[in-house]
C-alpha atoms as a PDB file:
ATOM      1  CA  MET A   1     -47.147 -76.904  37.545  1.00  0.00           C
ATOM      2  CA  THR A   2     -45.790 -77.278  40.885  1.00  0.00           C
ATOM      3  CA  ASN A   3     -44.214 -80.520  39.920  1.00  0.00           C
ATOM      4  CA  GLU A   4     -42.720 -79.055  36.787  1.00  0.00           C
ATOM      5  CA  MET A   5     -41.357 -76.178  38.919  1.00  0.00           C
ATOM      6  CA  GLN A   6     -39.902 -78.246  41.509  1.00  0.00           C
ATOM      7  CA  THR A   7     -38.290 -80.369  38.808  1.00  0.00           C
ATOM      8  CA  ALA A   8     -37.150 -77.118  37.154  1.00  0.00           C
ATOM      9  CA  ILE A   9     -35.774 -75.950  40.341  1.00  0.00           C
ATOM     10  CA  ASP A  10     -33.963 -79.177  41.040  1.00  0.00           C
ATOM     11  CA  ILE A  11     -32.182 -79.196  37.524  1.00  0.00           C
ATOM     12  CA  ALA A  12     -31.102 -75.698  38.165  1.00  0.00           C
ATOM     13  CA  ASN A  13     -29.677 -76.596  41.516  1.00  0.00           C
ATOM     14  CA  ALA A  14     -27.785 -79.469  40.093  1.00  0.00           C
ATOM     15  CA  VAL A  15     -26.375 -77.553  37.267  1.00  0.00           C
ATOM     16  CA  ALA A  16     -25.411 -74.615  39.985  1.00  0.00           C
ATOM     17  CA  ILE A  17     -23.519 -77.307  41.946  1.00  0.00           C
ATOM     18  CA  LYS A  18     -21.673 -78.684  39.101  1.00  0.00           C
ATOM     19  CA  ASN A  19     -20.895 -74.924  38.023  1.00  0.00           C
ATOM     20  CA  ASP A  20     -19.562 -74.381  41.459  1.00  0.00           C
ATOM     21  CA  ARG A  21     -17.196 -77.209  41.284  1.00  0.00           C
ATOM     22  CA  TRP A  22     -16.247 -76.274  37.885  1.00  0.00           C
ATOM     23  CA  MET A  23     -15.494 -72.799  39.326  1.00  0.00           C
ATOM     24  CA  PHE A  24     -13.613 -74.187  42.271  1.00  0.00           C
ATOM     25  CA  ILE A  25     -11.497 -76.180  40.061  1.00  0.00           C
ATOM     26  CA  ALA A  26     -10.768 -73.162  37.434  1.00  0.00           C
ATOM     27  CA  THR A  27      -9.843 -70.978  40.420  1.00  0.00           C
ATOM     28  CA  LEU A  28      -7.809 -73.668  41.855  1.00  0.00           C
ATOM     29  CA  LEU A  29      -5.953 -73.867  38.467  1.00  0.00           C
ATOM     30  CA  CYS A  30      -5.481 -70.152  38.189  1.00  0.00           C
ATOM     31  CA  PHE A  31      -3.850 -69.906  41.674  1.00  0.00           C
ATOM     32  CA  GLY A  32      -1.726 -72.554  40.585  1.00  0.00           C
ATOM     33  CA  VAL A  33      -0.595 -71.065  37.376  1.00  0.00           C
ATOM     34  CA  ALA A  34      -0.087 -67.563  39.376  1.00  0.00           C
ATOM     35  CA  VAL A  35       2.023 -69.501  42.089  1.00  0.00           C
ATOM     36  CA  PHE A  36       4.236 -71.033  39.383  1.00  0.00           C
ATOM     37  CA  PHE A  37       4.961 -67.852  37.550  1.00  0.00           C
ATOM     38  CA  ALA A  38       5.600 -66.142  41.126  1.00  0.00           C
ATOM     39  CA  MET A  39       8.169 -69.025  42.129  1.00  0.00           C
ATOM     40  CA  ARG A  40       9.852 -68.963  38.784  1.00  0.00           C
ATOM     41  CA  TRP A  41      10.049 -65.128  39.183  1.00  0.00           C
ATOM     42  CA  LEU A  42      11.414 -65.580  42.693  1.00  0.00           C
ATOM     43  CA  VAL A  43      14.175 -68.422  41.468  1.00  0.00           C
ATOM     44  CA  ARG A  44      15.247 -66.231  38.676  1.00  0.00           C
ATOM     45  CA  LYS A  45      15.864 -63.089  41.282  1.00  0.00           C
ATOM     46  CA  HIS A  46      17.600 -65.697  43.865  1.00  0.00           C
ATOM     47  CA  GLU A  47      19.810 -66.845  40.996  1.00  0.00           C
ATOM     48  CA  ALA A  48      20.738 -63.168  40.123  1.00  0.00           C
ATOM     49  CA  LEU A  49      21.483 -62.450  43.737  1.00  0.00           C
ATOM     50  CA  VAL A  50      23.670 -65.404  43.929  1.00  0.00           C
ATOM     51  CA  LEU A  51      25.706 -64.128  40.697  1.00  0.00           C
ATOM     52  CA  GLU A  52      25.774 -61.048  41.984  1.00  0.00           C
ATOM     53  CA  HIS A  53      27.114 -61.901  45.337  1.00  0.00           C
ATOM     54  CA  ARG A  54      29.820 -64.351  43.837  1.00  0.00           C
ATOM     55  CA  SER A  55      30.821 -61.303  41.769  1.00  0.00           C
ATOM     56  CA  ASP A  56      31.048 -59.078  44.932  1.00  0.00           C
ATOM     57  CA  GLN A  57      32.882 -61.734  46.839  1.00  0.00           C
ATOM     58  CA  HIS A  58      35.467 -61.890  44.178  1.00  0.00           C
ATOM     59  CA  GLN A  59      35.713 -58.055  43.910  1.00  0.00           C
ATOM     60  CA  TYR A  60      36.085 -58.023  47.741  1.00  0.00           C
ATOM     61  CA  THR A  61      38.638 -60.677  47.803  1.00  0.00           C
ATOM     62  CA  THR A  62      40.775 -58.697  45.140  1.00  0.00           C
ATOM     63  CA  THR A  63      40.627 -55.580  47.143  1.00  0.00           C
ATOM     64  CA  LEU A  64      41.584 -57.378  50.122  1.00  0.00           C
ATOM     65  CA  LEU A  65      44.648 -59.154  48.680  1.00  0.00           C
ATOM     66  CA  ASN A  66      45.545 -55.645  47.189  1.00  0.00           C
ATOM     67  CA  ILE A  67      45.170 -54.022  50.721  1.00  0.00           C
ATOM     68  CA  THR A  68      47.214 -56.653  52.443  1.00  0.00           C
ATOM     69  CA  ALA A  69      49.912 -56.421  49.738  1.00  0.00           C
ATOM     70  CA  GLU A  70      50.097 -52.689  50.258  1.00  0.00           C
ATOM     71  CA  GLN A  71      50.514 -52.907  53.816  1.00  0.00           C
ATOM     72  CA  ASN A  72      52.812 -55.643  53.678  1.00  0.00           C
ATOM     73  CA  ARG A  73      54.950 -53.142  51.406  1.00  0.00           C
ATOM     74  CA  THR A  74      54.427 -50.310  53.998  1.00  0.00           C
ATOM     75  CA  ALA A  75      55.582 -52.674  56.998  1.00  0.00           C
ATOM     76  CA  ARG A  76      58.589 -53.421  54.922  1.00  0.00           C
ATOM     77  CA  ASP A  77      59.179 -49.585  54.157  1.00  0.00           C
ATOM     78  CA  LEU A  78      58.625 -48.698  57.698  1.00  0.00           C
ATOM     79  CA  LEU A  79      60.790 -51.434  58.752  1.00  0.00           C
ATOM     80  CA  SER A  80      63.785 -50.061  56.678  1.00  0.00           C
ATOM     81  CA  VAL A  81      63.286 -46.538  58.012  1.00  0.00           C
ATOM     82  CA  LEU A  82      63.208 -47.795  61.609  1.00  0.00           C
ATOM     83  CA  GLU A  83      66.365 -49.615  60.811  1.00  0.00           C
ATOM     84  CA  LYS A  84      68.037 -46.402  59.076  1.00  0.00           C
ATOM     85  CA  ASN A  85      66.861 -44.383  62.013  1.00  0.00           C
ATOM     86  CA  THR A  86      68.313 -46.778  64.767  1.00  0.00           C
ATOM     87  CA  ALA A  87      71.650 -46.570  62.888  1.00  0.00           C
ATOM     88  CA  ALA A  88      71.420 -43.047  62.718  1.00  0.00           C
ATOM     89  CA  ILE A  89      70.680 -42.778  66.367  1.00  0.00           C
ATOM     90  CA  GLU A  90      73.553 -45.010  67.184  1.00  0.00           C
ATOM     91  CA  CYS A  91      75.868 -42.781  65.034  1.00  0.00           C
ATOM     92  CA  ASN A  92      74.657 -39.792  66.621  1.00  0.00           C
ATOM     93  CA  THR A  93      75.150 -41.359  70.289  1.00  0.00           C
ATOM     94  CA  ASP A  94      78.685 -42.190  69.358  1.00  0.00           C
ATOM     95  CA  ILE A  95      79.404 -38.940  68.335  1.00  0.00           C
ATOM     96  CA  ILE A  96      77.828 -36.977  71.211  1.00  0.00           C
ATOM     97  CA  THR A  97      79.995 -39.690  73.409  1.00  0.00           C
ATOM     98  CA  LYS A  98      83.168 -38.603  71.744  1.00  0.00           C
ATOM     99  CA  HIS A  99      82.297 -34.824  71.857  1.00  0.00           C
ATOM    100  CA  GLN A 100      81.583 -35.464  75.639  1.00  0.00           C
ATOM    101  CA  VAL A 101      84.829 -37.168  76.214  1.00  0.00           C
ATOM    102  CA  ALA A 102      86.620 -34.404  74.409  1.00  0.00           C
ATOM    103  CA  LEU A 103      85.022 -31.868  76.349  1.00  0.00           C
ATOM    104  CA  GLU A 104      85.783 -33.650  79.568  1.00  0.00           C
ATOM    105  CA  LEU A 105      89.571 -33.731  78.515  1.00  0.00           C
ATOM    106  CA  LYS A 106      89.664 -30.157  77.464  1.00  0.00           C
ATOM    107  CA  GLY A 107      88.053 -29.118  80.726  1.00  0.00           C
ATOM    108  CA  HIS A 108      90.379 -31.086  83.179  1.00  0.00           C
END
């Protein structure tokens, strides 16, 4: 009976070794499927981020162009105001000079 037991144990051991191999292959396959779906999800998230970045970049560029245009308009308006102020100051300087000359002539 010991010989039959030994044979039964050897058969069970051989089956267990084969089952371990199949379990390893099944585990490897499950891990591969999980990695595939994880990578697929990450790629989709990356693509969504790229699209969002492009949209934000376009919006940023548009806003920056609008700000630059507004600054240019403001600079032109400021230049116009400065030219008018300069002309007004020159006019006032001429008037003050004429007034001082008239006062000096009266005083002498």
